[in-house]
Amino acid sequence: MFYVIKSNQMYEYADKISRAMNYPEEAKELPGVTMSEYQMNQDKYKIENGVLVDISQTEEYIAKAAAEEKAAEQQRLQAKLDALDIKCIRAMREGGTDTDGVPFLDKYQAQINELRAQYNSL
C-alpha cells in the first residue's frame, strides 16, 4: 500500500502509485499491507514522524484489544442472561418440567448461575 501524509494526518492512500493520487512523488510504501487490509484495521496503524507505523505488537495496542474483546464477551454473556431472565419469568408463571423431569425454573437458574460465574471471571 502507498500513502501520503500531510500535516501529520493521512492525506491519501492506494494500492498503486498512479495519476489518481494527488501527490504520487510524496507517496511512501507500507510493504506487505493491502489497501483493504488497512481500511479494515486502521486502528493497527499510527502516524509517527510523518510515517505510518504498525503498532499491533505494542503493549498499548494489545491491552486495548484485550479490553475490547473482554467488553464484547461481557456484552454477549449479558444478552444470554437477559434471555434466560425472560425464560425464568415465564417458568415462574407457567411452571412445567423438561423431558428429564427437571423444572424449567431450576434448569434456567442453573444456566444463569453458570453464565454469571463466566461473566464474573472476566
Protein backbone atom coordinates (compact mmCIF):
# COMPACT_ATOMS: atom_id res chain seq x y z
CA MET A 1 0.00 0.00 0.00
CA PHE A 2 1.17 3.52 -0.75
CA TYR A 3 0.21 6.54 1.31
CA VAL A 4 0.78 10.28 1.63
CA ILE A 5 0.94 12.07 4.99
CA LYS A 6 0.24 15.82 5.17
CA SER A 7 0.36 17.80 8.44
CA ASN A 8 0.85 14.53 10.33
CA GLN A 9 -2.54 13.28 9.01
CA MET A 10 -3.31 10.59 6.44
CA TYR A 11 -3.97 12.50 3.24
CA GLU A 12 -4.45 9.68 0.74
CA TYR A 13 -3.64 6.03 0.22
CA ALA A 14 -3.90 3.49 -2.59
CA ASP A 15 -2.68 0.07 -3.67
CA LYS A 16 -0.70 1.53 -6.55
CA ILE A 17 1.02 4.81 -7.22
CA SER A 18 -0.88 6.27 -10.11
CA ARG A 19 -2.06 9.51 -11.57
CA ALA A 20 -5.14 9.15 -9.36
CA MET A 21 -3.04 10.12 -6.33
CA ASN A 22 -2.68 13.87 -5.91
CA TYR A 23 0.94 13.64 -4.68
CA PRO A 24 2.50 10.45 -6.13
CA GLU A 25 6.00 11.85 -5.73
CA GLU A 26 5.50 12.08 -1.95
CA ALA A 27 3.98 8.61 -1.59
CA LYS A 28 5.62 6.18 0.81
CA GLU A 29 5.13 2.44 0.79
CA LEU A 30 3.84 0.30 3.64
CA PRO A 31 5.11 -3.10 2.47
CA GLY A 32 3.02 -6.21 2.95
CA VAL A 33 -0.21 -4.33 3.60
CA THR A 34 -3.03 -4.01 1.10
CA MET A 35 -5.39 -1.08 0.97
CA SER A 36 -8.36 -3.23 2.02
CA GLU A 37 -6.41 -4.64 4.97
CA TYR A 38 -5.53 -1.13 6.07
CA GLN A 39 -9.14 0.01 5.75
CA MET A 40 -10.41 -2.87 7.89
CA ASN A 41 -7.72 -2.44 10.57
CA GLN A 42 -6.88 1.26 10.70
CA ASP A 43 -6.53 1.11 14.47
CA LYS A 44 -3.42 -1.11 14.00
CA TYR A 45 -1.54 1.79 12.42
CA LYS A 46 -0.35 5.10 13.76
CA ILE A 47 1.37 8.08 12.19
CA GLU A 48 4.72 8.82 13.81
CA ASN A 49 7.02 11.50 12.44
CA GLY A 50 5.26 11.51 9.09
CA VAL A 51 5.47 7.73 8.65
CA LEU A 52 2.71 5.13 9.01
CA VAL A 53 3.79 2.56 11.61
CA ASP A 54 2.26 -0.81 12.52
CA ILE A 55 1.55 -0.71 16.27
CA SER A 56 -0.27 -4.05 16.51
CA GLN A 57 2.56 -5.63 18.53
CA THR A 58 2.87 -2.85 21.12
CA GLU A 59 1.78 -3.38 24.71
CA GLU A 60 -0.66 -0.47 24.45
CA TYR A 61 -2.43 -1.91 21.40
CA ILE A 62 -2.51 -5.44 22.82
CA ALA A 63 -4.02 -4.15 26.09
CA LYS A 64 -6.62 -2.12 24.19
CA ALA A 65 -7.56 -5.11 22.00
CA ALA A 66 -7.87 -7.34 25.08
CA ALA A 67 -10.12 -4.79 26.79
CA GLU A 68 -12.33 -4.57 23.70
CA GLU A 69 -12.54 -8.36 23.50
CA LYS A 70 -13.45 -8.55 27.19
CA ALA A 71 -16.19 -5.94 26.75
CA ALA A 72 -17.61 -7.82 23.75
CA GLU A 73 -17.65 -11.08 25.71
CA GLN A 74 -19.36 -9.36 28.66
CA GLN A 75 -21.97 -7.96 26.30
CA ARG A 76 -22.56 -11.41 24.76
CA LEU A 77 -22.95 -13.02 28.19
CA GLN A 78 -25.27 -10.23 29.35
CA ALA A 79 -27.52 -10.81 26.32
CA LYS A 80 -27.72 -14.52 27.20
CA LEU A 81 -28.52 -13.66 30.82
CA ASP A 82 -31.28 -11.30 29.73
CA ALA A 83 -32.83 -14.01 27.55
CA LEU A 84 -32.68 -16.51 30.42
CA ASP A 85 -34.29 -13.99 32.78
CA ILE A 86 -37.27 -13.81 30.45
CA LYS A 87 -37.46 -17.61 30.35
CA CYS A 88 -37.36 -17.68 34.17
CA ILE A 89 -40.27 -15.27 34.39
CA ARG A 90 -42.28 -17.47 32.05
CA ALA A 91 -41.30 -20.58 34.06
CA MET A 92 -42.43 -18.91 37.31
CA ARG A 93 -45.80 -18.07 35.77
CA GLU A 94 -46.41 -21.30 33.89
CA GLY A 95 -44.31 -23.90 35.71
CA GLY A 96 -43.63 -27.09 33.86
CA THR A 97 -40.76 -29.50 33.51
CA ASP A 98 -38.48 -30.53 30.68
CA THR A 99 -38.29 -34.06 29.26
CA ASP A 100 -35.96 -35.17 32.10
CA GLY A 101 -38.48 -34.08 34.73
CA VAL A 102 -36.39 -31.09 35.86
CA PRO A 103 -38.49 -27.99 36.50
CA PHE A 104 -37.80 -25.30 33.90
CA LEU A 105 -37.12 -22.73 36.60
CA ASP A 106 -34.35 -24.89 38.13
CA LYS A 107 -32.90 -25.60 34.70
CA TYR A 108 -32.77 -21.92 33.74
CA GLN A 109 -31.42 -20.91 37.13
CA ALA A 110 -28.55 -23.38 36.78
CA GLN A 111 -27.73 -21.91 33.36
CA ILE A 112 -27.88 -18.39 34.82
CA ASN A 113 -25.52 -19.33 37.63
CA GLU A 114 -23.04 -20.76 35.13
CA LEU A 115 -23.19 -17.64 32.93
CA ARG A 116 -22.80 -15.33 35.92
CA ALA A 117 -19.70 -17.26 37.01
CA GLN A 118 -18.26 -16.82 33.49
CA TYR A 119 -19.20 -13.11 33.49
CA ASN A 120 -17.63 -12.52 36.90
CA SER A 121 -14.43 -14.32 35.93
CA LEU A 122 -13.77 -11.82 33.12
